[in-house]
Amino acid sequence: MVQAIINISEKANRVINIVKAKYGLKDKSEAINIMAEEYQESVMEPELRPEYIKKLEKIQKQKGVPFKNMAELRKIIEG
């Protein structure tokens, strides 16, 4: 376990206290750990859901539409 002395704003301190109370945690360290886990799940690269993986596989199997130039592509798209 890593220990750190940090400086946070009053607003951040209130948020940590709210998380601590919401989850019934013993100390602010546990609250910060919960916040870091939630940040990782929502912002950082989450694991792909199985249904999304199936959708991607289906898309990869599709064949493209051939075209010779941009005018022909535009005609296909707008047509």
PDB file of N, CA and C in Angstrom:
ATOM      1  N   MET A   1       0.845  -1.176   0.000  1.00  0.00           N
ATOM      2  CA  MET A   1       0.000   0.000   0.000  1.00  0.00           C
ATOM      3  C   MET A   1       0.889   1.237   0.000  1.00  0.00           C
ATOM      4  N   VAL A   2       0.498   2.230  -0.775  1.00  0.00           N
ATOM      5  CA  VAL A   2       1.245   3.465  -0.894  1.00  0.00           C
ATOM      6  C   VAL A   2       0.623   4.505   0.020  1.00  0.00           C
ATOM      7  N   GLN A   3       1.472   5.250   0.720  1.00  0.00           N
ATOM      8  CA  GLN A   3       0.988   6.348   1.555  1.00  0.00           C
ATOM      9  C   GLN A   3       1.408   7.652   0.915  1.00  0.00           C
ATOM     10  N   ALA A   4       0.532   8.664   1.023  1.00  0.00           N
ATOM     11  CA  ALA A   4       0.839   9.951   0.427  1.00  0.00           C
ATOM     12  C   ALA A   4       0.244  11.064   1.277  1.00  0.00           C
ATOM     13  N   ILE A   5       0.987  12.127   1.377  1.00  0.00           N
ATOM     14  CA  ILE A   5       0.465  13.340   1.997  1.00  0.00           C
ATOM     15  C   ILE A   5       0.058  14.244   0.843  1.00  0.00           C
ATOM     16  N   ILE A   6      -1.220  14.654   0.840  1.00  0.00           N
ATOM     17  CA  ILE A   6      -1.721  15.434  -0.283  1.00  0.00           C
ATOM     18  C   ILE A   6      -2.373  16.718   0.200  1.00  0.00           C
ATOM     19  N   ASN A   7      -2.419  17.690  -0.667  1.00  0.00           N
ATOM     20  CA  ASN A   7      -3.131  18.938  -0.399  1.00  0.00           C
ATOM     21  C   ASN A   7      -4.342  18.971  -1.321  1.00  0.00           C
ATOM     22  N   ILE A   8      -5.529  19.104  -0.737  1.00  0.00           N
ATOM     23  CA  ILE A   8      -6.752  19.161  -1.523  1.00  0.00           C
ATOM     24  C   ILE A   8      -7.556  20.387  -1.118  1.00  0.00           C
ATOM     25  N   SER A   9      -8.449  20.780  -1.999  1.00  0.00           N
ATOM     26  CA  SER A   9      -9.304  21.933  -1.704  1.00  0.00           C
ATOM     27  C   SER A   9     -10.399  21.533  -0.716  1.00  0.00           C
ATOM     28  N   GLU A  10     -11.059  22.537  -0.147  1.00  0.00           N
ATOM     29  CA  GLU A  10     -12.173  22.267   0.761  1.00  0.00           C
ATOM     30  C   GLU A  10     -13.290  21.525   0.035  1.00  0.00           C
ATOM     31  N   LYS A  11     -13.529  21.907  -1.216  1.00  0.00           N
ATOM     32  CA  LYS A  11     -14.579  21.261  -2.008  1.00  0.00           C
ATOM     33  C   LYS A  11     -14.265  19.778  -2.211  1.00  0.00           C
ATOM     34  N   ALA A  12     -13.007  19.471  -2.562  1.00  0.00           N
ATOM     35  CA  ALA A  12     -12.601  18.075  -2.743  1.00  0.00           C
ATOM     36  C   ALA A  12     -12.733  17.306  -1.429  1.00  0.00           C
ATOM     37  N   ASN A  13     -12.394  17.938  -0.331  1.00  0.00           N
ATOM     38  CA  ASN A  13     -12.508  17.307   0.978  1.00  0.00           C
ATOM     39  C   ASN A  13     -13.962  16.969   1.285  1.00  0.00           C
ATOM     40  N   ARG A  14     -14.889  17.880   0.945  1.00  0.00           N
ATOM     41  CA  ARG A  14     -16.309  17.618   1.162  1.00  0.00           C
ATOM     42  C   ARG A  14     -16.786  16.444   0.314  1.00  0.00           C
ATOM     43  N   VAL A  15     -16.321  16.386  -0.936  1.00  0.00           N
ATOM     44  CA  VAL A  15     -16.702  15.283  -1.823  1.00  0.00           C
ATOM     45  C   VAL A  15     -16.218  13.957  -1.244  1.00  0.00           C
ATOM     46  N   ILE A  16     -14.986  13.932  -0.783  1.00  0.00           N
ATOM     47  CA  ILE A  16     -14.432  12.703  -0.193  1.00  0.00           C
ATOM     48  C   ILE A  16     -15.239  12.293   1.033  1.00  0.00           C
ATOM     49  N   ASN A  17     -15.621  13.271   1.855  1.00  0.00           N
ATOM     50  CA  ASN A  17     -16.431  12.960   3.040  1.00  0.00           C
ATOM     51  C   ASN A  17     -17.810  12.422   2.648  1.00  0.00           C
ATOM     52  N   ILE A  18     -18.383  12.943   1.568  1.00  0.00           N
ATOM     53  CA  ILE A  18     -19.686  12.455   1.104  1.00  0.00           C
ATOM     54  C   ILE A  18     -19.567  11.010   0.629  1.00  0.00           C
ATOM     55  N   VAL A  19     -18.523  10.713  -0.133  1.00  0.00           N
ATOM     56  CA  VAL A  19     -18.302   9.338  -0.605  1.00  0.00           C
ATOM     57  C   VAL A  19     -18.087   8.409   0.587  1.00  0.00           C
ATOM     58  N   LYS A  20     -17.318   8.875   1.545  1.00  0.00           N
ATOM     59  CA  LYS A  20     -17.054   8.085   2.756  1.00  0.00           C
ATOM     60  C   LYS A  20     -18.359   7.760   3.481  1.00  0.00           C
ATOM     61  N   ALA A  21     -19.226   8.749   3.631  1.00  0.00           N
ATOM     62  CA  ALA A  21     -20.501   8.534   4.325  1.00  0.00           C
ATOM     63  C   ALA A  21     -21.443   7.665   3.497  1.00  0.00           C
ATOM     64  N   LYS A  22     -21.484   7.906   2.192  1.00  0.00           N
ATOM     65  CA  LYS A  22     -22.399   7.166   1.319  1.00  0.00           C
ATOM     66  C   LYS A  22     -22.132   5.668   1.366  1.00  0.00           C
ATOM     67  N   TYR A  23     -20.862   5.283   1.356  1.00  0.00           N
ATOM     68  CA  TYR A  23     -20.499   3.872   1.334  1.00  0.00           C
ATOM     69  C   TYR A  23     -20.200   3.310   2.727  1.00  0.00           C
ATOM     70  N   GLY A  24     -20.317   4.133   3.759  1.00  0.00           N
ATOM     71  CA  GLY A  24     -20.068   3.673   5.127  1.00  0.00           C
ATOM     72  C   GLY A  24     -18.632   3.230   5.342  1.00  0.00           C
ATOM     73  N   LEU A  25     -17.685   4.006   4.822  1.00  0.00           N
ATOM     74  CA  LEU A  25     -16.274   3.635   4.883  1.00  0.00           C
ATOM     75  C   LEU A  25     -15.640   4.109   6.181  1.00  0.00           C
ATOM     76  N   LYS A  26     -14.515   3.490   6.537  1.00  0.00           N
ATOM     77  CA  LYS A  26     -13.833   3.810   7.782  1.00  0.00           C
ATOM     78  C   LYS A  26     -13.034   5.103   7.695  1.00  0.00           C
ATOM     79  N   ASP A  27     -12.379   5.313   6.549  1.00  0.00           N
ATOM     80  CA  ASP A  27     -11.538   6.502   6.435  1.00  0.00           C
ATOM     81  C   ASP A  27     -11.543   7.058   5.012  1.00  0.00           C
ATOM     82  N   LYS A  28     -10.905   8.197   4.864  1.00  0.00           N
ATOM     83  CA  LYS A  28     -10.875   8.876   3.568  1.00  0.00           C
ATOM     84  C   LYS A  28     -10.070   8.095   2.530  1.00  0.00           C
ATOM     85  N   SER A  29      -9.117   7.295   2.967  1.00  0.00           N
ATOM     86  CA  SER A  29      -8.331   6.487   2.024  1.00  0.00           C
ATOM     87  C   SER A  29      -9.236   5.540   1.248  1.00  0.00           C
ATOM     88  N   GLU A  30     -10.168   4.914   1.946  1.00  0.00           N
ATOM     89  CA  GLU A  30     -11.105   4.011   1.279  1.00  0.00           C
ATOM     90  C   GLU A  30     -11.988   4.784   0.296  1.00  0.00           C
ATOM     91  N   ALA A  31     -12.383   5.993   0.680  1.00  0.00           N
ATOM     92  CA  ALA A  31     -13.209   6.821  -0.205  1.00  0.00           C
ATOM     93  C   ALA A  31     -12.438   7.189  -1.476  1.00  0.00           C
ATOM     94  N   ILE A  32     -11.180   7.533  -1.318  1.00  0.00           N
ATOM     95  CA  ILE A  32     -10.353   7.886  -2.479  1.00  0.00           C
ATOM     96  C   ILE A  32     -10.175   6.667  -3.378  1.00  0.00           C
ATOM     97  N   ASN A  33      -9.998   5.487  -2.797  1.00  0.00           N
ATOM     98  CA  ASN A  33      -9.881   4.259  -3.588  1.00  0.00           C
ATOM     99  C   ASN A  33     -11.158   3.999  -4.390  1.00  0.00           C
ATOM    100  N   ILE A  34     -12.324   4.189  -3.759  1.00  0.00           N
ATOM    101  CA  ILE A  34     -13.611   4.007  -4.456  1.00  0.00           C
ATOM    102  C   ILE A  34     -13.706   4.993  -5.614  1.00  0.00           C
ATOM    103  N   MET A  35     -13.343   6.252  -5.366  1.00  0.00           N
ATOM    104  CA  MET A  35     -13.409   7.273  -6.403  1.00  0.00           C
ATOM    105  C   MET A  35     -12.482   6.928  -7.562  1.00  0.00           C
ATOM    106  N   ALA A  36     -11.295   6.432  -7.266  1.00  0.00           N
ATOM    107  CA  ALA A  36     -10.346   6.063  -8.319  1.00  0.00           C
ATOM    108  C   ALA A  36     -10.877   4.901  -9.154  1.00  0.00           C
ATOM    109  N   GLU A  37     -11.495   3.918  -8.503  1.00  0.00           N
ATOM    110  CA  GLU A  37     -12.060   2.776  -9.224  1.00  0.00           C
ATOM    111  C   GLU A  37     -13.197   3.223 -10.139  1.00  0.00           C
ATOM    112  N   GLU A  38     -14.071   4.098  -9.633  1.00  0.00           N
ATOM    113  CA  GLU A  38     -15.188   4.582 -10.449  1.00  0.00           C
ATOM    114  C   GLU A  38     -14.679   5.416 -11.624  1.00  0.00           C
ATOM    115  N   TYR A  39     -13.637   6.206 -11.394  1.00  0.00           N
ATOM    116  CA  TYR A  39     -13.041   6.999 -12.474  1.00  0.00           C
ATOM    117  C   TYR A  39     -12.490   6.074 -13.550  1.00  0.00           C
ATOM    118  N   GLN A  40     -11.809   5.031 -13.122  1.00  0.00           N
ATOM    119  CA  GLN A  40     -11.232   4.079 -14.074  1.00  0.00           C
ATOM    120  C   GLN A  40     -12.324   3.421 -14.913  1.00  0.00           C
ATOM    121  N   GLU A  41     -13.418   3.030 -14.271  1.00  0.00           N
ATOM    122  CA  GLU A  41     -14.500   2.358 -14.986  1.00  0.00           C
ATOM    123  C   GLU A  41     -15.212   3.275 -15.965  1.00  0.00           C
ATOM    124  N   SER A  42     -15.375   4.544 -15.593  1.00  0.00           N
ATOM    125  CA  SER A  42     -16.174   5.429 -16.437  1.00  0.00           C
ATOM    126  C   SER A  42     -15.361   6.219 -17.450  1.00  0.00           C
ATOM    127  N   VAL A  43     -14.135   6.571 -17.139  1.00  0.00           N
ATOM    128  CA  VAL A  43     -13.367   7.460 -18.012  1.00  0.00           C
ATOM    129  C   VAL A  43     -12.258   6.735 -18.759  1.00  0.00           C
ATOM    130  N   MET A  44     -11.538   5.924 -18.066  1.00  0.00           N
ATOM    131  CA  MET A  44     -10.440   5.214 -18.707  1.00  0.00           C
ATOM    132  C   MET A  44     -11.011   4.089 -19.552  1.00  0.00           C
ATOM    133  N   GLU A  45     -10.210   3.466 -20.337  1.00  0.00           N
ATOM    134  CA  GLU A  45     -10.665   2.448 -21.277  1.00  0.00           C
ATOM    135  C   GLU A  45     -11.376   1.299 -20.558  1.00  0.00           C
ATOM    136  N   PRO A  46     -12.706   1.311 -20.610  1.00  0.00           N
ATOM    137  CA  PRO A  46     -13.429   0.214 -19.969  1.00  0.00           C
ATOM    138  C   PRO A  46     -13.373  -1.041 -20.827  1.00  0.00           C
ATOM    139  N   GLU A  47     -13.606  -2.179 -20.207  1.00  0.00           N
ATOM    140  CA  GLU A  47     -13.664  -3.427 -20.967  1.00  0.00           C
ATOM    141  C   GLU A  47     -14.899  -3.395 -21.841  1.00  0.00           C
ATOM    142  N   LEU A  48     -14.805  -3.998 -22.991  1.00  0.00           N
ATOM    143  CA  LEU A  48     -15.928  -4.012 -23.915  1.00  0.00           C
ATOM    144  C   LEU A  48     -16.987  -5.001 -23.457  1.00  0.00           C
ATOM    145  N   ARG A  49     -18.232  -4.583 -23.531  1.00  0.00           N
ATOM    146  CA  ARG A  49     -19.335  -5.475 -23.185  1.00  0.00           C
ATOM    147  C   ARG A  49     -19.439  -6.562 -24.239  1.00  0.00           C
ATOM    148  N   PRO A  50     -19.861  -7.762 -23.860  1.00  0.00           N
ATOM    149  CA  PRO A  50     -19.960  -8.878 -24.816  1.00  0.00           C
ATOM    150  C   PRO A  50     -20.839  -8.561 -26.020  1.00  0.00           C
ATOM    151  N   GLU A  51     -21.953  -7.841 -25.800  1.00  0.00           N
ATOM    152  CA  GLU A  51     -22.833  -7.531 -26.925  1.00  0.00           C
ATOM    153  C   GLU A  51     -22.163  -6.568 -27.906  1.00  0.00           C
ATOM    154  N   TYR A  52     -21.294  -5.694 -27.393  1.00  0.00           N
ATOM    155  CA  TYR A  52     -20.577  -4.767 -28.276  1.00  0.00           C
ATOM    156  C   TYR A  52     -19.528  -5.529 -29.080  1.00  0.00           C
ATOM    157  N   ILE A  53     -18.879  -6.504 -28.481  1.00  0.00           N
ATOM    158  CA  ILE A  53     -17.886  -7.315 -29.184  1.00  0.00           C
ATOM    159  C   ILE A  53     -18.566  -8.073 -30.328  1.00  0.00           C
ATOM    160  N   LYS A  54     -19.758  -8.628 -30.077  1.00  0.00           N
ATOM    161  CA  LYS A  54     -20.489  -9.329 -31.129  1.00  0.00           C
ATOM    162  C   LYS A  54     -20.835  -8.377 -32.270  1.00  0.00           C
ATOM    163  N   LYS A  55     -21.229  -7.158 -31.917  1.00  0.00           N
ATOM    164  CA  LYS A  55     -21.570  -6.163 -32.935  1.00  0.00           C
ATOM    165  C   LYS A  55     -20.343  -5.827 -33.779  1.00  0.00           C
ATOM    166  N   LEU A  56     -19.197  -5.679 -33.135  1.00  0.00           N
ATOM    167  CA  LEU A  56     -17.955  -5.394 -33.865  1.00  0.00           C
ATOM    168  C   LEU A  56     -17.583  -6.532 -34.807  1.00  0.00           C
ATOM    169  N   GLU A  57     -17.734  -7.761 -34.337  1.00  0.00           N
ATOM    170  CA  GLU A  57     -17.421  -8.921 -35.183  1.00  0.00           C
ATOM    171  C   GLU A  57     -18.332  -8.954 -36.407  1.00  0.00           C
ATOM    172  N   LYS A  58     -19.598  -8.618 -36.217  1.00  0.00           N
ATOM    173  CA  LYS A  58     -20.545  -8.588 -37.326  1.00  0.00           C
ATOM    174  C   LYS A  58     -20.134  -7.511 -38.339  1.00  0.00           C
ATOM    175  N   ILE A  59     -19.727  -6.362 -37.863  1.00  0.00           N
ATOM    176  CA  ILE A  59     -19.293  -5.273 -38.748  1.00  0.00           C
ATOM    177  C   ILE A  59     -18.040  -5.671 -39.521  1.00  0.00           C
ATOM    178  N   GLN A  60     -17.113  -6.357 -38.858  1.00  0.00           N
ATOM    179  CA  GLN A  60     -15.868  -6.764 -39.518  1.00  0.00           C
ATOM    180  C   GLN A  60     -16.125  -7.755 -40.651  1.00  0.00           C
ATOM    181  N   LYS A  61     -17.190  -8.536 -40.558  1.00  0.00           N
ATOM    182  CA  LYS A  61     -17.507  -9.522 -41.588  1.00  0.00           C
ATOM    183  C   LYS A  61     -18.155  -8.884 -42.813  1.00  0.00           C
ATOM    184  N   GLN A  62     -18.675  -7.670 -42.670  1.00  0.00           N
ATOM    185  CA  GLN A  62     -19.334  -7.009 -43.790  1.00  0.00           C
ATOM    186  C   GLN A  62     -18.319  -6.632 -44.862  1.00  0.00           C
ATOM    187  N   LYS A  63     -18.792  -6.633 -46.091  1.00  0.00           N
ATOM    188  CA  LYS A  63     -17.933  -6.240 -47.204  1.00  0.00           C
ATOM    189  C   LYS A  63     -18.234  -4.794 -47.560  1.00  0.00           C
ATOM    190  N   GLY A  64     -17.215  -4.079 -47.985  1.00  0.00           N
ATOM    191  CA  GLY A  64     -17.364  -2.685 -48.352  1.00  0.00           C
ATOM    192  C   GLY A  64     -17.952  -2.514 -49.738  1.00  0.00           C
ATOM    193  N   VAL A  65     -18.293  -1.286 -50.066  1.00  0.00           N
ATOM    194  CA  VAL A  65     -18.831  -0.950 -51.381  1.00  0.00           C
ATOM    195  C   VAL A  65     -17.694  -0.334 -52.199  1.00  0.00           C
ATOM    196  N   PRO A  66     -17.350  -0.938 -53.322  1.00  0.00           N
ATOM    197  CA  PRO A  66     -16.251  -0.390 -54.116  1.00  0.00           C
ATOM    198  C   PRO A  66     -16.675   0.887 -54.848  1.00  0.00           C
ATOM    199  N   PHE A  67     -15.734   1.816 -54.978  1.00  0.00           N
ATOM    200  CA  PHE A  67     -15.966   3.044 -55.725  1.00  0.00           C
ATOM    201  C   PHE A  67     -14.644   3.499 -56.332  1.00  0.00           C
ATOM    202  N   LYS A  68     -14.746   4.250 -57.424  1.00  0.00           N
ATOM    203  CA  LYS A  68     -13.547   4.657 -58.160  1.00  0.00           C
ATOM    204  C   LYS A  68     -13.008   6.007 -57.708  1.00  0.00           C
ATOM    205  N   ASN A  69     -13.906   6.916 -57.347  1.00  0.00           N
ATOM    206  CA  ASN A  69     -13.470   8.252 -56.936  1.00  0.00           C
ATOM    207  C   ASN A  69     -14.488   8.835 -55.959  1.00  0.00           C
ATOM    208  N   MET A  70     -14.203  10.036 -55.470  1.00  0.00           N
ATOM    209  CA  MET A  70     -15.061  10.665 -54.469  1.00  0.00           C
ATOM    210  C   MET A  70     -16.456  10.974 -55.022  1.00  0.00           C
ATOM    211  N   ALA A  71     -16.528  11.334 -56.297  1.00  0.00           N
ATOM    212  CA  ALA A  71     -17.828  11.635 -56.902  1.00  0.00           C
ATOM    213  C   ALA A  71     -18.723  10.394 -56.902  1.00  0.00           C
ATOM    214  N   GLU A  72     -18.129   9.256 -57.207  1.00  0.00           N
ATOM    215  CA  GLU A  72     -18.898   8.009 -57.213  1.00  0.00           C
ATOM    216  C   GLU A  72     -19.329   7.639 -55.794  1.00  0.00           C
ATOM    217  N   LEU A  73     -18.455   7.829 -54.829  1.00  0.00           N
ATOM    218  CA  LEU A  73     -18.796   7.562 -53.430  1.00  0.00           C
ATOM    219  C   LEU A  73     -19.932   8.469 -52.986  1.00  0.00           C
ATOM    220  N   ARG A  74     -19.848   9.745 -53.318  1.00  0.00           N
ATOM    221  CA  ARG A  74     -20.892  10.689 -52.946  1.00  0.00           C
ATOM    222  C   ARG A  74     -22.237  10.268 -53.554  1.00  0.00           C
ATOM    223  N   LYS A  75     -22.198   9.795 -54.795  1.00  0.00           N
ATOM    224  CA  LYS A  75     -23.417   9.346 -55.472  1.00  0.00           C
ATOM    225  C   LYS A  75     -24.016   8.143 -54.744  1.00  0.00           C
ATOM    226  N   ILE A  76     -23.168   7.219 -54.288  1.00  0.00           N
ATOM    227  CA  ILE A  76     -23.635   6.040 -53.551  1.00  0.00           C
ATOM    228  C   ILE A  76     -24.255   6.447 -52.217  1.00  0.00           C
ATOM    229  N   ILE A  77     -23.588   7.361 -51.520  1.00  0.00           N
ATOM    230  CA  ILE A  77     -24.056   7.786 -50.192  1.00  0.00           C
ATOM    231  C   ILE A  77     -25.356   8.579 -50.300  1.00  0.00           C
ATOM    232  N   GLU A  78     -25.397   9.523 -51.231  1.00  0.00           N
ATOM    233  CA  GLU A  78     -26.568  10.401 -51.339  1.00  0.00           C
ATOM    234  C   GLU A  78     -27.698   9.778 -52.143  1.00  0.00           C
ATOM    235  N   GLY A  79     -27.386   8.757 -52.922  1.00  0.00           N
ATOM    236  CA  GLY A  79     -28.373   8.148 -53.819  1.00  0.00           C
ATOM    237  C   GLY A  79     -29.307   7.284 -53.120  1.00  0.00           C
TER     238      GLY A  79
END
